[in-house]
Amino acid sequence: MLHVEHVSTQQQKDDAFTVRKLVFVDEQLVPLEEEIDHHEESSEHFVLYDAKTPVGAGRFRSVDSKGKFERICVLSSHRGNGSGALLMTEIEKYAVKNGYTTLKLNAQTHALSFYEKLGYHITSDEFLDAGIPHKSMEKHM
């Protein structure tokens, strides 16, 4: 059973970092020193579990009074079945509960349609982040 946890323990945070490392560092070849950055302690972290197994992760922080989604990822074994949408929806609930009305993210270009289906719209030209093409996106709640 899939469910999302707002990280409250070191084990959950370790689970989030494990998934992020598998997706971004091992799969997409992002250097670990770019993946784990100085925003970790000032961010809220979330983990998507399949029963007790971590299969997705993301973080959320405030940037210029907007809620910013970062490091959203799902293991390849769980993509295409609604897992990513569940993760995003649960983090959005947290954002709205905490007063954010504008949400933003930087999406890898291959994932733009995923975010567009969730109501996000493109707000920038393409740029590179960790050598991967991205575009900025926003959603107003």
N, C-alpha and C. Protein backbone atom coordinates (compact mmCIF):
# COMPACT_ATOMS: atom_id res chain seq x y z
N MET A 1 0.84 -1.19 0.00
CA MET A 1 0.00 0.00 0.00
C MET A 1 0.88 1.25 0.00
N LEU A 2 0.64 2.12 -0.94
CA LEU A 2 1.42 3.35 -1.05
C LEU A 2 0.93 4.40 -0.06
N HIS A 3 1.86 5.06 0.60
CA HIS A 3 1.52 6.18 1.48
C HIS A 3 2.73 7.10 1.61
N VAL A 4 2.45 8.36 1.92
CA VAL A 4 3.49 9.38 2.03
C VAL A 4 3.63 9.77 3.50
N GLU A 5 4.86 9.87 3.94
CA GLU A 5 5.17 10.31 5.30
C GLU A 5 5.94 11.62 5.25
N HIS A 6 5.52 12.56 6.08
CA HIS A 6 6.28 13.79 6.31
C HIS A 6 7.39 13.38 7.29
N VAL A 7 8.62 13.55 6.90
CA VAL A 7 9.75 13.05 7.68
C VAL A 7 9.77 13.63 9.09
N SER A 8 9.82 12.72 10.07
CA SER A 8 9.90 13.15 11.47
C SER A 8 10.97 12.37 12.23
N THR A 9 11.62 11.41 11.59
CA THR A 9 12.67 10.63 12.25
C THR A 9 13.91 10.59 11.35
N GLN A 10 15.03 10.27 11.96
CA GLN A 10 16.27 10.14 11.19
C GLN A 10 16.15 9.00 10.19
N GLN A 11 15.48 7.91 10.56
CA GLN A 11 15.33 6.78 9.63
C GLN A 11 14.56 7.21 8.38
N GLN A 12 13.49 7.98 8.56
CA GLN A 12 12.73 8.45 7.40
C GLN A 12 13.59 9.37 6.53
N LYS A 13 14.39 10.22 7.15
CA LYS A 13 15.27 11.10 6.38
C LYS A 13 16.30 10.28 5.61
N ASP A 14 16.84 9.26 6.27
CA ASP A 14 17.78 8.37 5.58
C ASP A 14 17.10 7.66 4.41
N ASP A 15 15.84 7.27 4.60
CA ASP A 15 15.08 6.64 3.51
C ASP A 15 14.94 7.60 2.33
N ALA A 16 14.64 8.86 2.61
CA ALA A 16 14.51 9.86 1.54
C ALA A 16 15.84 10.01 0.80
N PHE A 17 16.93 10.12 1.53
CA PHE A 17 18.24 10.28 0.90
C PHE A 17 18.62 9.03 0.10
N THR A 18 18.24 7.86 0.57
CA THR A 18 18.53 6.61 -0.17
C THR A 18 17.84 6.62 -1.52
N VAL A 19 16.56 6.98 -1.54
CA VAL A 19 15.82 7.02 -2.81
C VAL A 19 16.41 8.08 -3.72
N ARG A 20 16.68 9.25 -3.19
CA ARG A 20 17.27 10.33 -3.99
C ARG A 20 18.60 9.90 -4.59
N LYS A 21 19.43 9.22 -3.81
CA LYS A 21 20.72 8.76 -4.33
C LYS A 21 20.51 7.75 -5.46
N LEU A 22 19.60 6.82 -5.28
CA LEU A 22 19.35 5.81 -6.32
C LEU A 22 18.90 6.47 -7.63
N VAL A 23 17.99 7.45 -7.52
CA VAL A 23 17.44 8.07 -8.73
C VAL A 23 18.41 9.09 -9.32
N PHE A 24 18.82 10.05 -8.54
CA PHE A 24 19.60 11.15 -9.08
C PHE A 24 21.08 10.81 -9.29
N VAL A 25 21.70 10.18 -8.32
CA VAL A 25 23.14 9.90 -8.41
C VAL A 25 23.41 8.65 -9.24
N ASP A 26 22.78 7.53 -8.90
CA ASP A 26 23.06 6.28 -9.59
C ASP A 26 22.44 6.23 -11.00
N GLU A 27 21.16 6.63 -11.11
CA GLU A 27 20.46 6.55 -12.39
C GLU A 27 20.79 7.71 -13.33
N GLN A 28 20.75 8.94 -12.80
CA GLN A 28 20.90 10.12 -13.65
C GLN A 28 22.31 10.73 -13.61
N LEU A 29 23.19 10.13 -12.80
CA LEU A 29 24.61 10.52 -12.74
C LEU A 29 24.86 11.94 -12.26
N VAL A 30 23.98 12.43 -11.38
CA VAL A 30 24.20 13.73 -10.73
C VAL A 30 25.26 13.51 -9.64
N PRO A 31 26.28 14.35 -9.58
CA PRO A 31 27.28 14.19 -8.51
C PRO A 31 26.62 14.30 -7.12
N LEU A 32 27.03 13.43 -6.22
CA LEU A 32 26.45 13.41 -4.87
C LEU A 32 26.57 14.76 -4.19
N GLU A 33 27.67 15.48 -4.41
CA GLU A 33 27.85 16.79 -3.76
C GLU A 33 26.89 17.84 -4.29
N GLU A 34 26.28 17.61 -5.47
CA GLU A 34 25.24 18.50 -5.97
C GLU A 34 23.86 18.06 -5.48
N GLU A 35 23.69 16.76 -5.31
CA GLU A 35 22.39 16.23 -4.90
C GLU A 35 22.07 16.58 -3.44
N ILE A 36 22.98 16.36 -2.56
CA ILE A 36 22.80 16.68 -1.14
C ILE A 36 23.44 18.06 -0.94
N ASP A 37 22.62 19.06 -0.60
CA ASP A 37 23.14 20.43 -0.57
C ASP A 37 22.85 21.13 0.74
N HIS A 38 23.15 22.42 0.77
CA HIS A 38 23.02 23.22 2.00
C HIS A 38 21.57 23.53 2.39
N HIS A 39 20.60 23.13 1.57
CA HIS A 39 19.20 23.37 1.91
C HIS A 39 18.55 22.20 2.67
N GLU A 40 19.28 21.13 2.89
CA GLU A 40 18.68 19.94 3.52
C GLU A 40 18.09 20.25 4.89
N GLU A 41 18.82 21.00 5.70
CA GLU A 41 18.34 21.25 7.07
C GLU A 41 17.20 22.26 7.13
N SER A 42 17.07 23.11 6.12
CA SER A 42 16.00 24.11 6.13
C SER A 42 14.78 23.67 5.32
N SER A 43 14.77 22.43 4.88
CA SER A 43 13.68 21.90 4.07
C SER A 43 12.84 20.89 4.84
N GLU A 44 11.60 20.76 4.41
CA GLU A 44 10.74 19.68 4.90
C GLU A 44 10.91 18.52 3.92
N HIS A 45 11.05 17.32 4.44
CA HIS A 45 11.28 16.14 3.60
C HIS A 45 10.08 15.20 3.66
N PHE A 46 9.84 14.51 2.55
CA PHE A 46 8.73 13.58 2.43
C PHE A 46 9.23 12.29 1.79
N VAL A 47 8.66 11.16 2.23
CA VAL A 47 9.02 9.86 1.66
C VAL A 47 7.75 9.14 1.24
N LEU A 48 7.80 8.56 0.05
CA LEU A 48 6.72 7.71 -0.44
C LEU A 48 7.12 6.27 -0.14
N TYR A 49 6.25 5.56 0.56
CA TYR A 49 6.51 4.17 0.91
C TYR A 49 5.53 3.25 0.19
N ASP A 50 6.02 2.09 -0.20
CA ASP A 50 5.19 0.98 -0.65
C ASP A 50 5.27 -0.02 0.49
N ALA A 51 4.22 -0.05 1.31
CA ALA A 51 4.25 -0.75 2.60
C ALA A 51 5.36 -0.11 3.42
N LYS A 52 6.45 -0.84 3.70
CA LYS A 52 7.54 -0.27 4.50
C LYS A 52 8.78 0.07 3.67
N THR A 53 8.68 -0.11 2.36
CA THR A 53 9.82 0.12 1.48
C THR A 53 9.78 1.53 0.89
N PRO A 54 10.83 2.33 1.07
CA PRO A 54 10.85 3.67 0.48
C PRO A 54 11.01 3.57 -1.05
N VAL A 55 10.09 4.24 -1.78
CA VAL A 55 10.12 4.18 -3.24
C VAL A 55 10.09 5.56 -3.90
N GLY A 56 9.94 6.61 -3.10
CA GLY A 56 9.90 7.96 -3.65
C GLY A 56 10.27 8.95 -2.57
N ALA A 57 10.62 10.16 -3.00
CA ALA A 57 11.01 11.19 -2.03
C ALA A 57 10.86 12.57 -2.66
N GLY A 58 10.84 13.57 -1.80
CA GLY A 58 10.82 14.95 -2.24
C GLY A 58 11.06 15.86 -1.06
N ARG A 59 11.39 17.10 -1.37
CA ARG A 59 11.55 18.07 -0.29
C ARG A 59 10.82 19.35 -0.68
N PHE A 60 10.55 20.15 0.35
CA PHE A 60 9.77 21.37 0.19
C PHE A 60 10.39 22.44 1.04
N ARG A 61 10.48 23.65 0.49
CA ARG A 61 10.98 24.77 1.29
C ARG A 61 10.37 26.06 0.77
N SER A 62 10.50 27.10 1.57
CA SER A 62 9.98 28.42 1.22
C SER A 62 11.06 29.20 0.50
N VAL A 63 10.70 29.75 -0.68
CA VAL A 63 11.62 30.58 -1.46
C VAL A 63 10.84 31.79 -1.94
N ASP A 64 11.21 32.98 -1.46
CA ASP A 64 10.54 34.22 -1.86
C ASP A 64 9.03 34.14 -1.64
N SER A 65 8.60 33.65 -0.51
CA SER A 65 7.21 33.49 -0.08
C SER A 65 6.40 32.51 -0.94
N LYS A 66 7.08 31.76 -1.78
CA LYS A 66 6.43 30.70 -2.55
C LYS A 66 6.90 29.36 -2.01
N GLY A 67 6.07 28.36 -2.15
CA GLY A 67 6.48 27.01 -1.78
C GLY A 67 7.20 26.36 -2.93
N LYS A 68 8.39 25.84 -2.67
CA LYS A 68 9.18 25.25 -3.75
C LYS A 68 9.37 23.75 -3.51
N PHE A 69 8.98 22.98 -4.53
CA PHE A 69 9.18 21.54 -4.53
C PHE A 69 10.56 21.26 -5.12
N GLU A 70 11.29 20.37 -4.49
CA GLU A 70 12.62 20.01 -4.98
C GLU A 70 12.86 18.52 -4.77
N ARG A 71 13.77 17.99 -5.58
CA ARG A 71 14.24 16.61 -5.44
C ARG A 71 13.10 15.59 -5.47
N ILE A 72 12.09 15.87 -6.29
CA ILE A 72 10.96 14.94 -6.43
C ILE A 72 11.43 13.75 -7.26
N CYS A 73 11.29 12.55 -6.72
CA CYS A 73 11.74 11.37 -7.45
C CYS A 73 10.99 10.12 -7.00
N VAL A 74 10.90 9.20 -7.93
CA VAL A 74 10.27 7.90 -7.68
C VAL A 74 11.15 6.84 -8.33
N LEU A 75 11.36 5.73 -7.66
CA LEU A 75 12.15 4.65 -8.24
C LEU A 75 11.51 4.18 -9.54
N SER A 76 12.32 3.75 -10.49
CA SER A 76 11.81 3.33 -11.80
C SER A 76 10.77 2.23 -11.68
N SER A 77 10.88 1.39 -10.68
CA SER A 77 9.92 0.29 -10.48
C SER A 77 8.52 0.77 -10.13
N HIS A 78 8.39 2.02 -9.72
CA HIS A 78 7.10 2.55 -9.28
C HIS A 78 6.61 3.73 -10.12
N ARG A 79 7.24 3.98 -11.24
CA ARG A 79 6.81 5.08 -12.11
C ARG A 79 5.65 4.63 -13.00
N GLY A 80 4.79 5.59 -13.34
CA GLY A 80 3.71 5.33 -14.27
C GLY A 80 2.47 4.71 -13.66
N ASN A 81 2.42 4.62 -12.34
CA ASN A 81 1.25 4.02 -11.68
C ASN A 81 0.57 4.96 -10.69
N GLY A 82 0.87 6.25 -10.78
CA GLY A 82 0.27 7.22 -9.89
C GLY A 82 1.07 7.53 -8.64
N SER A 83 2.21 6.88 -8.49
CA SER A 83 3.03 7.11 -7.29
C SER A 83 3.51 8.55 -7.19
N GLY A 84 4.02 9.08 -8.28
CA GLY A 84 4.51 10.46 -8.28
C GLY A 84 3.41 11.46 -8.00
N ALA A 85 2.23 11.22 -8.57
CA ALA A 85 1.09 12.11 -8.33
C ALA A 85 0.68 12.08 -6.86
N LEU A 86 0.70 10.90 -6.26
CA LEU A 86 0.38 10.79 -4.84
C LEU A 86 1.38 11.57 -4.00
N LEU A 87 2.65 11.43 -4.30
CA LEU A 87 3.68 12.17 -3.57
C LEU A 87 3.47 13.67 -3.70
N MET A 88 3.25 14.14 -4.92
CA MET A 88 3.04 15.57 -5.14
C MET A 88 1.79 16.07 -4.41
N THR A 89 0.71 15.33 -4.49
CA THR A 89 -0.55 15.73 -3.86
C THR A 89 -0.39 15.87 -2.35
N GLU A 90 0.33 14.96 -1.74
CA GLU A 90 0.51 15.02 -0.29
C GLU A 90 1.39 16.21 0.11
N ILE A 91 2.41 16.51 -0.67
CA ILE A 91 3.25 17.66 -0.36
C ILE A 91 2.46 18.95 -0.61
N GLU A 92 1.63 18.97 -1.65
CA GLU A 92 0.77 20.14 -1.90
C GLU A 92 -0.17 20.38 -0.71
N LYS A 93 -0.73 19.31 -0.14
CA LYS A 93 -1.60 19.46 1.03
C LYS A 93 -0.85 20.13 2.17
N TYR A 94 0.39 19.72 2.38
CA TYR A 94 1.23 20.33 3.41
C TYR A 94 1.42 21.82 3.10
N ALA A 95 1.71 22.14 1.84
CA ALA A 95 1.95 23.53 1.44
C ALA A 95 0.72 24.41 1.69
N VAL A 96 -0.44 23.95 1.27
CA VAL A 96 -1.68 24.72 1.45
C VAL A 96 -1.99 24.89 2.93
N LYS A 97 -1.82 23.82 3.70
CA LYS A 97 -2.06 23.88 5.15
C LYS A 97 -1.17 24.92 5.82
N ASN A 98 0.00 25.16 5.22
CA ASN A 98 0.95 26.12 5.78
C ASN A 98 0.92 27.48 5.10
N GLY A 99 -0.17 27.73 4.35
CA GLY A 99 -0.43 29.07 3.84
C GLY A 99 0.16 29.43 2.49
N TYR A 100 0.73 28.48 1.79
CA TYR A 100 1.30 28.79 0.47
C TYR A 100 0.22 28.77 -0.60
N THR A 101 0.18 29.81 -1.41
CA THR A 101 -0.81 29.88 -2.49
C THR A 101 -0.16 29.76 -3.86
N THR A 102 1.15 29.95 -3.93
CA THR A 102 1.88 29.75 -5.17
C THR A 102 2.96 28.70 -4.92
N LEU A 103 2.96 27.68 -5.77
CA LEU A 103 3.93 26.60 -5.67
C LEU A 103 4.80 26.63 -6.92
N LYS A 104 6.08 26.32 -6.74
CA LYS A 104 6.97 26.32 -7.90
C LYS A 104 7.91 25.14 -7.83
N LEU A 105 8.49 24.83 -8.99
CA LEU A 105 9.46 23.75 -9.08
C LEU A 105 10.25 23.91 -10.36
N ASN A 106 11.38 23.24 -10.42
CA ASN A 106 12.18 23.16 -11.63
C ASN A 106 12.09 21.72 -12.11
N ALA A 107 11.42 21.51 -13.24
CA ALA A 107 11.16 20.16 -13.74
C ALA A 107 12.15 19.77 -14.82
N GLN A 108 12.62 18.54 -14.74
CA GLN A 108 13.38 18.01 -15.86
C GLN A 108 12.45 17.99 -17.06
N THR A 109 12.95 18.34 -18.22
CA THR A 109 12.07 18.53 -19.39
C THR A 109 11.31 17.25 -19.75
N HIS A 110 11.88 16.09 -19.50
CA HIS A 110 11.16 14.85 -19.82
C HIS A 110 9.93 14.67 -18.93
N ALA A 111 9.87 15.39 -17.81
CA ALA A 111 8.76 15.24 -16.86
C ALA A 111 7.76 16.39 -16.93
N LEU A 112 7.90 17.28 -17.89
CA LEU A 112 7.00 18.44 -17.98
C LEU A 112 5.54 18.04 -18.07
N SER A 113 5.21 17.05 -18.89
CA SER A 113 3.80 16.66 -19.05
C SER A 113 3.23 16.10 -17.75
N PHE A 114 4.05 15.42 -16.96
CA PHE A 114 3.61 14.91 -15.66
C PHE A 114 3.14 16.07 -14.78
N TYR A 115 3.96 17.12 -14.69
CA TYR A 115 3.62 18.27 -13.86
C TYR A 115 2.46 19.08 -14.45
N GLU A 116 2.40 19.17 -15.77
CA GLU A 116 1.28 19.88 -16.40
C GLU A 116 -0.04 19.21 -16.07
N LYS A 117 -0.07 17.89 -16.01
CA LYS A 117 -1.29 17.16 -15.65
C LYS A 117 -1.72 17.47 -14.21
N LEU A 118 -0.76 17.88 -13.39
CA LEU A 118 -1.05 18.24 -12.00
C LEU A 118 -1.39 19.72 -11.84
N GLY A 119 -1.43 20.46 -12.96
CA GLY A 119 -1.84 21.86 -12.92
C GLY A 119 -0.72 22.88 -12.94
N TYR A 120 0.51 22.45 -13.13
CA TYR A 120 1.64 23.38 -13.19
C TYR A 120 1.79 23.90 -14.61
N HIS A 121 2.27 25.14 -14.74
CA HIS A 121 2.51 25.71 -16.07
C HIS A 121 3.95 26.22 -16.14
N ILE A 122 4.51 26.17 -17.32
CA ILE A 122 5.91 26.55 -17.55
C ILE A 122 6.07 28.06 -17.42
N THR A 123 7.13 28.46 -16.70
CA THR A 123 7.39 29.89 -16.47
C THR A 123 8.78 30.32 -16.90
N SER A 124 9.53 29.44 -17.57
CA SER A 124 10.89 29.81 -17.97
C SER A 124 11.28 29.11 -19.26
N ASP A 125 12.35 29.60 -19.83
CA ASP A 125 12.99 28.89 -20.93
C ASP A 125 13.77 27.72 -20.35
N GLU A 126 14.24 26.87 -21.20
CA GLU A 126 15.03 25.72 -20.77
C GLU A 126 16.39 26.17 -20.22
N PHE A 127 16.84 25.49 -19.17
CA PHE A 127 18.16 25.72 -18.59
C PHE A 127 18.72 24.40 -18.10
N LEU A 128 20.01 24.37 -17.84
CA LEU A 128 20.64 23.15 -17.35
C LEU A 128 20.82 23.23 -15.84
N ASP A 129 20.51 22.15 -15.17
CA ASP A 129 20.77 21.99 -13.75
C ASP A 129 21.40 20.61 -13.60
N ALA A 130 22.60 20.56 -13.05
CA ALA A 130 23.37 19.31 -12.94
C ALA A 130 23.51 18.64 -14.31
N GLY A 131 23.59 19.47 -15.36
CA GLY A 131 23.76 18.95 -16.71
C GLY A 131 22.50 18.39 -17.34
N ILE A 132 21.35 18.56 -16.68
CA ILE A 132 20.07 18.01 -17.16
C ILE A 132 19.16 19.17 -17.54
N PRO A 133 18.53 19.12 -18.74
CA PRO A 133 17.62 20.20 -19.14
C PRO A 133 16.39 20.29 -18.22
N HIS A 134 16.06 21.51 -17.82
CA HIS A 134 14.93 21.81 -16.92
C HIS A 134 14.16 23.01 -17.44
N LYS A 135 12.94 23.17 -16.93
CA LYS A 135 12.16 24.40 -17.07
C LYS A 135 11.50 24.65 -15.72
N SER A 136 11.37 25.93 -15.36
CA SER A 136 10.66 26.29 -14.13
C SER A 136 9.17 26.22 -14.38
N MET A 137 8.41 25.87 -13.33
CA MET A 137 6.96 25.74 -13.43
C MET A 137 6.34 26.30 -12.16
N GLU A 138 5.07 26.74 -12.27
CA GLU A 138 4.31 27.23 -11.10
C GLU A 138 2.89 26.73 -11.16
N LYS A 139 2.28 26.76 -9.99
CA LYS A 139 0.86 26.42 -9.84
C LYS A 139 0.30 27.33 -8.76
N HIS A 140 -0.86 27.89 -9.01
CA HIS A 140 -1.53 28.74 -8.03
C HIS A 140 -2.66 27.94 -7.40
N MET A 141 -2.68 27.94 -6.09
CA MET A 141 -3.68 27.14 -5.35
C MET A 141 -4.89 27.99 -5.02
